[in-house]
């Protein structure tokens, strides 16, 4: 089998879809019976992006892209040029399966598969920057037209796509996410050094990991935690790890107030360095989990 994987979403430091793509690429590279190629920015590339490569240059480019994306015209021109480049690069690979792990697919005469992680860009559009909504809604509709099949992370998203777009359910497959072997339960001896650094005790905290922004429903999480008895919050503080996201000023004000009150810790972005794994893979028992705006007993 021949597979081409788009790695455009791999940007360091890794979060979300970038992490998903990076881990998927690493595992597929180990498959000896697979003719596997990587695809980025409209062309076949020889290897995965590496952390630290031309970091300063990438930061400048990333800032420029963020500014340019605010222009609908510039975005359309850029996507058109990359699309043409992709078509040319893929002409000699029609027998391969092209996988877009981050929603997007170029025009391709062979079979193609895209992963849809959620539909928030449609169903929670108010929680995204307007330029992102314009760009992604247009591109995702094109992906639906181009895809031979879709992959989703959950059955919920599988059925949501089918219902929202009238898309054939038999063309969508759920492939649950896995995790790196680095993430496993550790004992107190292994976790003490890093937990002490953050003033935490093993099995006595609740962890949120993700970008700090409205679409993550962190406001409801803070509301619920604030309703807990003082003794519970003191024993099991809420730990939040993640970047400052879009329109997060009010959320950070609330987080700072919770930190000042003693029942929360904000760690910022936590590196995936091995020294931090005990923080996110220790055995602990969350009081609840948040899903689709509702709270459930864990």
Protein backbone atom coordinates (compact mmCIF):
# COMPACT_ATOMS: atom_id res chain seq x y z
CA UNK A 1 0.00 0.00 0.00
CA UNK A 2 1.15 3.54 -0.79
CA UNK A 3 0.21 6.35 1.58
CA UNK A 4 0.95 10.07 1.49
CA UNK A 5 0.42 11.94 4.77
CA UNK A 6 0.10 15.71 4.97
CA UNK A 7 2.26 17.08 7.80
CA UNK A 8 1.39 20.77 7.42
CA UNK A 9 -0.22 20.76 10.88
CA UNK A 10 3.03 19.79 12.63
CA UNK A 11 4.24 22.99 14.25
CA UNK A 12 6.33 23.15 17.40
CA UNK A 13 5.67 23.22 20.23
CA UNK A 14 3.14 20.49 19.49
CA UNK A 15 -0.51 20.79 20.48
CA UNK A 16 -3.74 19.11 19.39
CA UNK A 17 -3.80 18.16 15.72
CA UNK A 18 -0.06 18.75 15.41
CA UNK A 19 0.59 16.12 18.06
CA UNK A 20 -1.90 13.74 16.43
CA UNK A 21 -0.20 14.11 13.05
CA UNK A 22 3.32 13.81 14.46
CA UNK A 23 2.60 10.59 16.37
CA UNK A 24 0.69 9.12 13.41
CA UNK A 25 3.61 9.87 11.08
CA UNK A 26 6.14 8.33 13.45
CA UNK A 27 4.17 5.09 13.70
CA UNK A 28 3.49 4.84 9.96
CA UNK A 29 7.20 5.28 9.25
CA UNK A 30 7.81 2.06 11.19
CA UNK A 31 5.56 -0.02 8.92
CA UNK A 32 7.96 -1.94 6.67
CA UNK A 33 5.29 -3.11 4.22
CA UNK A 34 4.09 0.47 3.59
CA UNK A 35 5.30 2.81 0.86
CA UNK A 36 5.00 5.94 2.97
CA UNK A 37 5.65 9.57 1.99
CA UNK A 38 5.26 12.91 3.74
CA UNK A 39 3.65 15.94 2.14
CA UNK A 40 4.01 19.59 3.20
CA UNK A 41 3.27 22.96 1.62
CA UNK A 42 2.34 21.41 -1.70
CA UNK A 43 5.28 19.04 -2.15
CA UNK A 44 6.74 15.70 -1.07
CA UNK A 45 9.25 16.17 1.79
CA UNK A 46 11.95 13.83 3.05
CA UNK A 47 11.41 14.02 6.80
CA UNK A 48 9.29 15.27 9.67
CA UNK A 49 9.77 18.81 10.95
CA UNK A 50 12.11 18.90 13.94
CA UNK A 51 11.81 20.94 17.09
CA UNK A 52 14.24 23.84 17.11
CA UNK A 53 14.92 23.97 13.37
CA UNK A 54 15.06 27.60 12.23
CA UNK A 55 12.94 28.53 15.25
CA UNK A 56 13.35 32.30 14.94
CA UNK A 57 12.57 32.20 11.22
CA UNK A 58 9.44 30.10 11.81
CA UNK A 59 8.23 32.48 14.50
CA UNK A 60 8.51 35.41 12.07
CA UNK A 61 6.76 33.43 9.32
CA UNK A 62 4.01 32.35 11.75
CA UNK A 63 3.36 35.96 12.77
CA UNK A 64 3.23 37.02 9.12
CA UNK A 65 0.78 34.24 8.32
CA UNK A 66 -1.48 35.24 11.21
CA UNK A 67 -1.64 38.80 9.87
CA UNK A 68 -2.09 37.76 6.24
CA UNK A 69 -4.86 35.31 7.14
CA UNK A 70 -6.99 38.23 8.23
CA UNK A 71 -7.22 39.19 4.56
CA UNK A 72 -9.75 37.05 2.74
CA UNK A 73 -8.20 37.93 -0.63
CA UNK A 74 -4.65 37.03 0.44
CA UNK A 75 -5.85 33.74 1.91
CA UNK A 76 -7.67 32.79 -1.30
CA UNK A 77 -4.65 33.61 -3.46
CA UNK A 78 -2.32 31.66 -1.18
CA UNK A 79 -4.58 28.59 -1.07
CA UNK A 80 -4.99 28.71 -4.86
CA UNK A 81 -1.23 28.76 -5.43
CA UNK A 82 -0.60 25.96 -2.92
CA UNK A 83 -3.45 23.99 -4.47
CA UNK A 84 -1.92 24.22 -7.93
CA UNK A 85 1.47 23.22 -6.55
CA UNK A 86 -0.12 20.25 -4.77
CA UNK A 87 -1.89 19.01 -7.89
CA UNK A 88 1.36 19.10 -9.85
CA UNK A 89 3.29 17.31 -7.08
CA UNK A 90 0.62 14.59 -6.72
CA UNK A 91 0.16 13.79 -10.44
CA UNK A 92 2.65 10.93 -10.32
CA UNK A 93 1.14 9.43 -7.15
CA UNK A 94 -2.41 8.63 -8.27
CA UNK A 95 -2.12 5.05 -6.98
CA UNK A 96 -1.48 6.27 -3.40
CA UNK A 97 -3.96 7.11 -0.64
CA UNK A 98 -3.65 10.72 0.49
CA UNK A 99 -4.45 11.43 4.15
CA UNK A 100 -5.15 14.92 5.45
CA UNK A 101 -5.05 14.50 9.26
CA UNK A 102 -6.08 18.10 9.93
CA UNK A 103 -9.35 18.54 7.97
CA UNK A 104 -7.87 19.68 4.64
CA UNK A 105 -7.48 17.89 1.31
CA UNK A 106 -6.00 19.16 -1.97
CA UNK A 107 -7.46 18.22 -5.34
CA UNK A 108 -6.28 14.68 -6.03
CA UNK A 109 -7.30 12.14 -8.65
CA UNK A 110 -6.51 9.19 -6.37
CA UNK A 111 -8.24 8.10 -3.17
CA UNK A 112 -8.09 10.56 -0.28
CA UNK A 113 -9.03 10.49 3.41
CA UNK A 114 -9.41 13.38 5.84
CA UNK A 115 -9.66 13.41 9.62
CA UNK A 116 -12.37 15.65 11.09
CA UNK A 117 -11.71 16.18 14.79
CA UNK A 118 -14.89 18.18 15.45
CA UNK A 119 -17.35 20.57 13.80
CA UNK A 120 -16.87 23.51 16.16
CA UNK A 121 -15.96 25.80 13.26
CA UNK A 122 -19.61 25.41 12.15
CA UNK A 123 -21.49 24.67 15.37
CA UNK A 124 -19.48 26.99 17.67
CA UNK A 125 -18.34 29.56 15.11
CA UNK A 126 -18.64 32.39 17.65
CA UNK A 127 -15.80 30.77 19.61
CA UNK A 128 -13.31 31.16 16.75
CA UNK A 129 -11.69 34.23 15.14
CA UNK A 130 -13.75 35.42 12.13
CA UNK A 131 -10.86 34.90 9.69
CA UNK A 132 -10.47 31.30 10.88
CA UNK A 133 -14.20 30.68 10.43
CA UNK A 134 -14.19 32.03 6.86
CA UNK A 135 -11.13 30.04 5.91
CA UNK A 136 -12.02 26.72 7.55
CA UNK A 137 -15.70 26.64 6.58
CA UNK A 138 -14.77 27.13 2.93
CA UNK A 139 -11.94 24.57 3.03
CA UNK A 140 -13.87 21.92 4.98
CA UNK A 141 -16.74 22.02 2.51
CA UNK A 142 -14.22 21.41 -0.28
CA UNK A 143 -12.78 18.51 1.72
CA UNK A 144 -16.22 16.90 1.94
CA UNK A 145 -16.46 17.04 -1.85
CA UNK A 146 -12.97 15.62 -2.39
CA UNK A 147 -12.77 12.89 0.26
CA UNK A 148 -13.21 9.22 -0.57
CA UNK A 149 -13.75 8.65 3.15
CA UNK A 150 -13.59 10.57 6.44
CA UNK A 151 -12.08 9.63 9.80
CA UNK A 152 -13.37 10.99 13.11
CA UNK A 153 -12.03 10.71 16.65
CA UNK A 154 -15.41 9.78 18.10
CA UNK A 155 -18.80 8.32 17.21
CA UNK A 156 -20.36 11.61 18.28
CA UNK A 157 -18.48 13.56 15.59
CA UNK A 158 -19.16 10.82 13.04
CA UNK A 159 -22.90 11.20 13.47
CA UNK A 160 -22.67 14.97 13.79
CA UNK A 161 -21.04 15.23 10.34
CA UNK A 162 -23.61 12.90 8.80
CA UNK A 163 -26.52 14.87 10.27
CA UNK A 164 -25.12 18.37 9.73
CA UNK A 165 -24.11 17.92 6.09
CA UNK A 166 -26.30 15.00 5.03
CA UNK A 167 -23.05 13.12 4.45
CA UNK A 168 -23.24 9.32 3.96
CA UNK A 169 -22.61 7.66 7.32
CA UNK A 170 -21.00 4.64 5.65
CA UNK A 171 -18.25 6.92 4.31
CA UNK A 172 -17.19 7.94 7.83
CA UNK A 173 -15.12 5.74 10.13
CA UNK A 174 -14.40 6.35 13.81
CA UNK A 175 -10.77 5.75 14.79
CA UNK A 176 -10.34 6.55 18.52
CA UNK A 177 -7.17 8.36 19.53
CA UNK A 178 -4.38 6.49 21.28
CA UNK A 179 -1.46 7.86 23.28
CA UNK A 180 2.29 7.56 23.44
CA UNK A 181 3.79 4.85 25.69
CA UNK A 182 5.30 7.75 27.65
CA UNK A 183 1.91 8.29 29.25
CA UNK A 184 1.36 5.70 31.97
CA UNK A 185 0.67 5.61 35.72
CA UNK A 186 3.67 6.41 37.92
CA UNK A 187 4.25 5.97 41.64
CA UNK A 188 4.89 8.74 44.16
CA UNK A 189 8.67 8.34 44.02
CA UNK A 190 8.64 9.02 40.27
CA UNK A 191 6.29 11.99 40.50
CA UNK A 192 7.46 13.82 43.63
CA UNK A 193 10.15 15.98 42.03
CA UNK A 194 7.93 17.55 39.39
CA UNK A 195 4.79 17.74 41.56
CA UNK A 196 6.74 19.44 44.36
CA UNK A 197 7.86 22.04 41.84
CA UNK A 198 4.22 23.03 41.31
CA UNK A 199 3.11 22.56 44.92
CA UNK A 200 1.06 19.47 44.10
CA UNK A 201 0.55 16.06 45.71
CA UNK A 202 0.02 12.83 43.79
CA UNK A 203 -3.62 11.76 43.41
CA UNK A 204 -4.74 15.15 44.77
CA UNK A 205 -5.40 17.43 41.82
CA UNK A 206 -7.64 17.75 38.77
CA UNK A 207 -5.87 18.54 35.50
CA UNK A 208 -7.09 20.48 32.48
CA UNK A 209 -4.71 20.43 29.49
CA UNK A 210 -5.47 22.54 26.43
CA UNK A 211 -5.41 26.04 25.00
CA UNK A 212 -7.01 28.66 27.23
CA UNK A 213 -9.83 30.09 25.14
CA UNK A 214 -13.65 30.29 25.22
CA UNK A 215 -14.35 27.32 22.92
CA UNK A 216 -12.82 24.96 25.50
CA UNK A 217 -15.67 25.70 27.96
CA UNK A 218 -13.20 26.58 30.72
CA UNK A 219 -15.62 29.14 32.10
CA UNK A 220 -18.06 26.37 33.02
CA UNK A 221 -15.22 24.37 34.53
CA UNK A 222 -14.26 27.32 36.73
CA UNK A 223 -17.92 27.90 37.66
CA UNK A 224 -18.32 24.29 38.75
CA UNK A 225 -15.07 24.20 40.68
CA UNK A 226 -15.96 27.44 42.47
CA UNK A 227 -19.14 25.74 43.74
CA UNK A 228 -17.21 22.98 45.51
CA UNK A 229 -16.68 23.16 49.28
CA UNK A 230 -13.49 24.97 50.31
CA UNK A 231 -12.04 21.80 51.83
CA UNK A 232 -12.46 19.89 48.57
CA UNK A 233 -10.85 22.65 46.51
CA UNK A 234 -7.97 22.89 48.96
CA UNK A 235 -7.32 19.16 48.84
CA UNK A 236 -7.80 18.77 45.06
CA UNK A 237 -6.73 22.04 43.39
CA UNK A 238 -7.57 22.64 39.75
CA UNK A 239 -4.47 22.63 37.54
CA UNK A 240 -4.64 24.28 34.11
CA UNK A 241 -1.90 23.80 31.51
CA UNK A 242 -2.00 25.41 28.08
CA UNK A 243 -1.25 28.37 25.86
CA UNK A 244 -3.00 31.71 26.06
CA UNK A 245 -5.52 31.49 23.24
CA UNK A 246 -7.87 33.77 21.34
CA UNK A 247 -9.94 36.16 23.49
CA UNK A 248 -8.70 34.61 26.72
CA UNK A 249 -8.28 37.82 28.72
CA UNK A 250 -11.41 37.34 30.83
CA UNK A 251 -10.61 33.68 31.41
CA UNK A 252 -7.13 34.55 32.61
CA UNK A 253 -8.55 37.11 35.00
CA UNK A 254 -10.74 34.39 36.49
CA UNK A 255 -7.85 31.93 36.61
CA UNK A 256 -5.65 34.51 38.35
CA UNK A 257 -8.41 35.08 40.92
CA UNK A 258 -8.68 31.33 41.52
CA UNK A 259 -4.89 31.08 41.88
CA UNK A 260 -4.93 33.95 44.38
CA UNK A 261 -7.70 32.19 46.30
CA UNK A 262 -5.46 29.11 46.52
CA UNK A 263 -7.57 26.52 44.69
CA UNK A 264 -6.02 26.69 41.21
CA UNK A 265 -2.61 26.55 39.53
CA UNK A 266 -1.88 27.90 36.06
CA UNK A 267 1.24 26.37 34.48
CA UNK A 268 1.18 27.91 31.01
CA UNK A 269 2.32 25.62 28.20
CA UNK A 270 3.86 22.46 29.67
CA UNK A 271 6.66 20.93 27.63
CA UNK A 272 6.39 17.34 26.45
CA UNK A 273 9.87 16.82 27.88
CA UNK A 274 10.14 13.55 29.82
CA UNK A 275 10.55 15.47 33.07
CA UNK A 276 6.95 16.70 32.79
CA UNK A 277 5.28 13.39 31.98
CA UNK A 278 4.60 12.63 35.68
CA UNK A 279 2.36 15.69 35.83
CA UNK A 280 0.05 14.47 33.07
CA UNK A 281 0.29 10.71 33.43
CA UNK A 282 0.23 10.10 37.18
CA UNK A 283 -2.63 8.10 38.65
CA UNK A 284 -5.23 10.55 39.82
CA UNK A 285 -9.00 10.63 40.08
CA UNK A 286 -10.75 13.64 38.54
CA UNK A 287 -13.94 14.81 40.17
CA UNK A 288 -15.69 15.24 36.83
CA UNK A 289 -15.09 15.65 33.15
CA UNK A 290 -16.44 18.23 30.72
CA UNK A 291 -17.96 17.27 27.38
CA UNK A 292 -20.08 19.30 24.97
CA UNK A 293 -20.89 21.88 27.60
CA UNK A 294 -22.10 19.44 30.25
CA UNK A 295 -20.53 17.89 33.32
CA UNK A 296 -20.48 14.17 33.97
CA UNK A 297 -19.29 12.10 36.89
CA UNK A 298 -15.95 10.53 36.06
